[in-house]
Amino acid sequence: MKEIPLGNGQNAKVDDEDYEWLSRYSWYAYYDPQRGMTYAGHDTPSGRRVLMHDVIMGLDTLEEESLN
C-alpha cells in the first residue's frame, strides 16, 4: 500500500500495482458537500473532474474522450 498526496496533508492510499500509473497525475482532495465526503480528484485539460475511485474501478478514464 502506497500513498498519493492530495494536498493540505491529505493522502490517498492505493495498492502498489495502481500507484505507478496513478502517481503520474496530479490529484487533489475534492469535498462533495451533497454527500459530505472527500474524494481524490483530478481535472483533465478540458476541465472535466475525474475521481480516483471511478478510474480504479473502470467507471471513468483519465484520457480525453473524442468529440466525433
Protein backbone atom coordinates (compact mmCIF):
# COMPACT_ATOMS: atom_id res chain seq x y z
CA MET A 1 0.00 0.00 0.00
CA LYS A 2 1.36 3.41 -1.01
CA GLU A 3 0.10 6.97 -0.63
CA ILE A 4 -0.53 9.66 -3.23
CA PRO A 5 -0.52 13.23 -1.84
CA LEU A 6 -3.73 15.25 -2.28
CA GLY A 7 -2.52 18.47 -0.67
CA ASN A 8 -3.26 20.01 2.74
CA GLY A 9 -1.67 16.98 4.42
CA GLN A 10 -4.21 14.56 2.92
CA ASN A 11 -3.24 11.37 1.08
CA ALA A 12 -4.98 8.64 -0.89
CA LYS A 13 -3.92 5.08 -0.11
CA VAL A 14 -3.64 2.93 -3.23
CA ASP A 15 -2.48 -0.60 -3.97
CA ASP A 16 1.13 -0.97 -5.09
CA GLU A 17 0.09 -2.09 -8.59
CA ASP A 18 -2.04 1.07 -9.09
CA TYR A 19 0.47 3.52 -7.61
CA GLU A 20 2.82 3.89 -10.59
CA TRP A 21 0.23 4.95 -13.17
CA LEU A 22 -1.96 6.97 -10.78
CA SER A 23 1.01 8.93 -9.44
CA ARG A 24 1.69 10.30 -12.94
CA TYR A 25 -1.27 12.63 -12.48
CA SER A 26 -1.80 15.50 -10.05
CA TRP A 27 -4.59 14.72 -7.57
CA TYR A 28 -6.35 16.93 -5.05
CA ALA A 29 -8.85 16.46 -2.23
CA TYR A 30 -12.33 17.26 -3.57
CA TYR A 31 -15.07 17.78 -0.97
CA ASP A 32 -18.58 16.91 -2.18
CA PRO A 33 -20.96 18.96 0.01
CA GLN A 34 -24.04 16.96 -1.08
CA ARG A 35 -22.56 13.70 0.21
CA GLY A 36 -20.38 15.19 2.94
CA MET A 37 -17.44 13.13 1.62
CA THR A 38 -13.95 13.94 0.36
CA TYR A 39 -12.66 12.22 -2.77
CA ALA A 40 -9.41 12.21 -4.72
CA GLY A 41 -10.00 14.27 -7.86
CA HIS A 42 -8.08 15.20 -11.00
CA ASP A 43 -9.08 17.78 -13.61
CA THR A 44 -8.42 16.87 -17.24
CA PRO A 45 -7.09 19.56 -19.63
CA SER A 46 -10.66 20.15 -20.83
CA GLY A 47 -11.77 20.83 -17.23
CA ARG A 48 -13.62 17.58 -16.60
CA ARG A 49 -13.26 16.32 -13.00
CA VAL A 50 -12.31 12.65 -12.68
CA LEU A 51 -12.48 10.81 -9.34
CA MET A 52 -9.73 8.33 -8.50
CA HIS A 53 -12.05 5.60 -7.26
CA ASP A 54 -14.02 5.71 -10.53
CA VAL A 55 -10.80 5.37 -12.55
CA ILE A 56 -9.59 2.42 -10.46
CA MET A 57 -12.97 0.67 -10.83
CA GLY A 58 -13.00 1.27 -14.61
CA LEU A 59 -16.06 3.56 -14.44
CA ASP A 60 -14.18 6.60 -15.80
CA THR A 61 -10.95 7.34 -17.63
CA LEU A 62 -8.17 9.91 -17.36
CA GLU A 63 -7.96 10.11 -21.14
CA GLU A 64 -9.83 12.79 -23.05
CA GLU A 65 -12.81 11.48 -24.97
CA SER A 66 -13.11 12.01 -28.69
CA LEU A 67 -15.79 14.52 -29.70
CA ASN A 68 -16.51 12.86 -33.08
